[in-house]
Each structure stands twice: as C-alpha cells, then as structure tokens.
Protein backbone atom coordinates (compact mmCIF):
# COMPACT_ATOMS: atom_id res chain seq x y z
CA UNK A 1 -36.09 0.37 -6.18
CA UNK A 2 -35.58 3.25 -8.60
CA UNK A 3 -32.94 4.75 -6.30
CA UNK A 4 -31.04 1.46 -6.19
CA UNK A 5 -31.16 1.24 -10.00
CA UNK A 6 -29.77 4.78 -10.27
CA UNK A 7 -27.01 3.97 -7.79
CA UNK A 8 -26.01 0.80 -9.63
CA UNK A 9 -26.09 2.64 -12.94
CA UNK A 10 -23.77 5.30 -11.49
CA UNK A 11 -21.43 2.61 -10.13
CA UNK A 12 -21.36 0.90 -13.52
CA UNK A 13 -20.73 4.21 -15.27
CA UNK A 14 -17.71 4.97 -13.01
CA UNK A 15 -16.51 1.44 -12.24
CA UNK A 16 -12.78 2.08 -12.67
CA UNK A 17 -12.90 5.19 -10.52
CA UNK A 18 -14.47 3.14 -7.73
CA UNK A 19 -11.98 0.30 -8.18
CA UNK A 20 -9.12 2.82 -8.05
CA UNK A 21 -10.43 4.33 -4.83
CA UNK A 22 -10.80 0.89 -3.22
CA UNK A 23 -7.23 -0.03 -4.22
CA UNK A 24 -5.91 3.28 -2.86
CA UNK A 25 -7.66 2.84 0.48
CA UNK A 26 -6.39 -0.75 0.79
CA UNK A 27 -2.84 0.25 -0.15
CA UNK A 28 -2.74 3.21 2.22
CA UNK A 29 -4.06 1.16 5.13
CA UNK A 30 -1.44 -1.52 4.47
CA UNK A 31 1.42 0.93 4.21
CA UNK A 32 0.50 2.98 7.25
CA UNK A 33 -0.61 0.08 9.46
CA UNK A 34 2.03 -2.57 8.75
CA UNK A 35 5.30 -2.61 10.68
CA UNK A 36 8.21 -4.70 9.33
CA UNK A 37 8.93 -7.72 11.52
CA UNK A 38 11.48 -10.51 11.52
CA UNK A 39 12.01 -13.73 13.47
CA UNK A 40 13.20 -13.27 17.05
CA UNK A 41 16.70 -14.46 17.88
CA UNK A 42 15.79 -15.61 21.39
CA UNK A 43 12.33 -16.95 20.50
CA UNK A 44 12.42 -18.09 16.84
CA UNK A 45 8.67 -18.82 16.74
CA UNK A 46 7.87 -15.15 17.50
CA UNK A 47 8.10 -12.11 15.18
CA UNK A 48 9.68 -8.93 16.54
CA UNK A 49 9.98 -5.32 15.41
CA UNK A 50 13.26 -3.45 15.00
CA UNK A 51 13.11 -2.04 18.55
CA UNK A 52 12.46 -5.47 20.06
CA UNK A 53 15.30 -6.90 17.98
CA UNK A 54 17.69 -4.30 19.38
CA UNK A 55 16.62 -5.19 22.94
CA UNK A 56 17.40 -8.81 22.17
CA UNK A 57 20.76 -7.73 20.76
CA UNK A 58 21.65 -6.16 24.13
CA UNK A 59 20.69 -9.42 25.85
CA UNK A 60 22.88 -11.60 23.65
CA UNK A 61 25.98 -9.40 23.49
CA UNK A 62 27.92 -11.93 25.57
CA UNK A 63 26.62 -15.02 23.71
CA UNK A 64 28.27 -16.99 20.95
CA UNK A 65 29.20 -15.78 17.49
CA UNK A 66 26.38 -17.81 15.96
CA UNK A 67 23.76 -15.62 17.62
CA UNK A 68 25.55 -12.48 16.45
CA UNK A 69 25.50 -13.85 12.93
CA UNK A 70 21.76 -14.48 13.33
CA UNK A 71 21.38 -10.91 14.54
CA UNK A 72 23.10 -9.57 11.42
CA UNK A 73 20.84 -11.71 9.22
CA UNK A 74 17.78 -10.46 11.06
CA UNK A 75 18.91 -6.84 10.73
CA UNK A 76 19.49 -7.36 7.00
CA UNK A 77 16.00 -8.84 6.71
CA UNK A 78 14.46 -5.82 8.44
CA UNK A 79 16.48 -3.46 6.26
CA UNK A 80 15.34 -5.26 3.10
CA UNK A 81 11.70 -5.03 4.21
CA UNK A 82 12.09 -1.34 5.07
CA UNK A 83 13.67 -0.61 1.66
CA UNK A 84 10.89 -2.44 -0.18
CA UNK A 85 8.28 -0.58 1.82
CA UNK A 86 10.03 2.74 1.13
CA UNK A 87 10.05 2.06 -2.63
CA UNK A 88 6.33 1.28 -2.64
CA UNK A 89 5.60 4.41 -0.62
CA UNK A 90 7.73 6.58 -2.92
CA UNK A 91 5.82 5.29 -5.91
CA UNK A 92 2.47 5.77 -4.19
CA UNK A 93 2.93 9.17 -2.65
CA UNK A 94 6.45 10.46 -2.18
CA UNK A 95 6.62 10.14 1.60
CA UNK A 96 8.90 7.12 1.60
CA UNK A 97 11.53 8.14 4.10
CA UNK A 98 9.08 9.52 6.65
CA UNK A 99 6.84 6.47 6.67
CA UNK A 100 9.62 3.87 6.57
CA UNK A 101 11.42 5.56 9.46
CA UNK A 102 8.18 5.79 11.43
CA UNK A 103 8.51 9.57 11.68
CA UNK A 104 5.19 10.48 10.13
CA UNK A 105 2.82 12.87 11.83
CA UNK A 106 -0.94 12.40 11.64
CA UNK A 107 -1.19 15.36 9.27
CA UNK A 108 1.41 13.84 6.94
CA UNK A 109 -0.41 10.50 7.10
CA UNK A 110 -3.66 12.17 6.09
CA UNK A 111 -1.86 13.98 3.27
CA UNK A 112 -0.41 10.67 2.05
CA UNK A 113 -3.86 9.06 2.05
CA UNK A 114 -5.29 12.02 0.17
CA UNK A 115 -2.48 11.77 -2.40
CA UNK A 116 -3.14 8.05 -2.84
CA UNK A 117 -6.87 8.65 -3.21
CA UNK A 118 -6.27 11.41 -5.76
CA UNK A 119 -3.85 9.21 -7.70
CA UNK A 120 -6.26 6.28 -7.73
CA UNK A 121 -9.21 8.50 -8.60
CA UNK A 122 -7.30 10.02 -11.51
CA UNK A 123 -6.32 6.57 -12.78
CA UNK A 124 -9.88 5.32 -12.42
CA UNK A 125 -11.30 8.39 -14.14
CA UNK A 126 -8.90 7.96 -17.06
CA UNK A 127 -9.88 4.28 -17.43
CA UNK A 128 -13.58 5.20 -17.28
CA UNK A 129 -13.19 7.94 -19.88
CA UNK A 130 -11.39 5.58 -22.28
CA UNK A 131 -14.14 2.98 -21.84
CA UNK A 132 -16.82 5.63 -22.47
CA UNK A 133 -14.99 6.98 -25.54
CA UNK A 134 -14.79 3.45 -26.92
CA UNK A 135 -18.54 2.93 -26.45
CA UNK A 136 -19.32 6.26 -28.14
CA UNK A 137 -17.06 5.39 -31.09
CA UNK A 138 -18.70 1.96 -31.41
CA UNK A 139 -22.17 3.54 -31.39
CA UNK A 140 -21.18 6.13 -34.02
CA UNK A 141 -19.61 3.54 -36.31
CA UNK A 142 -22.38 1.02 -35.77
CA UNK A 143 -19.85 -1.73 -35.03
CA UNK A 144 -21.62 -2.86 -31.88
CA UNK A 145 -25.33 -2.75 -31.05
CA UNK A 146 -26.27 -0.75 -27.95
CA UNK A 147 -26.53 -2.85 -24.78
C-alpha cells in the first residue's frame, strides 16, 4: 500500500506533465493513423481515400457533367482535410508536408512522436513548476494553510 501511495503522490506532484504526455500520445496516434476520406461518388454511403477517389474518377470519365462536378467537390473536400491536417502537424512537430503526403518513413514517424512527447512534456513540466512555485509562495506568505 505504501508503494501505491508513493506512486499516487508522484502522479499528483507531476500531474500536468502526465496530462501533457497523454495528450501528445493521443495527438500523435490520431495524426499518424488517420487518413483523410470523403464520400464516394459511385457509392455515396461509403467513404473513400484519395486513391480510391481517383479510381472512381477513371470510371466516370464518360458520365455526365454532374458527376464531374461531384468529383471536383470531393477533391476540394480532400484537399481541405489534407491542409487542415498539415497545419496541425506543422504546429505539433514540423513534419507537415511529409505526413500529409503520406511520404513518411518509420524513422521520421518515430522522430515526430518523440518531438510531440518532448513538446508535451515540456509544457507539462512548465505547468507543474508554476503550480509548485505558487504553493511555495502561499506557504511562505501564510496565505493558505498547508493541505
């Protein structure tokens, strides 16, 4: 039981560092694992990737102008999703173009995750240090009784 108490005390002491790491892991798994998809032109109830959309485009080349207009809308939707994803990735780690284009190697993916973890850990450590400084100041000034 004493070991559990020590672990929980350590978690409480570094809560923002832990929260930052959890957010970084969740964000990196979302960015690396999610592929932009849009509604299929031939099967509107199904979502397709950019490659599948291009295959459908070859199939409908001889069809009506309405389907070509739908194709352009779908391409614009995929482009918008890719741009949004690239912006998030640039903010998170600076590998925006590689990840959005799907040209990332496993080593670059690991480097991106490490960068995200380092960024989150630094943010969490800063938040923890501010919280600790505030508690120390409160104890010195006697403005708040110790918990």
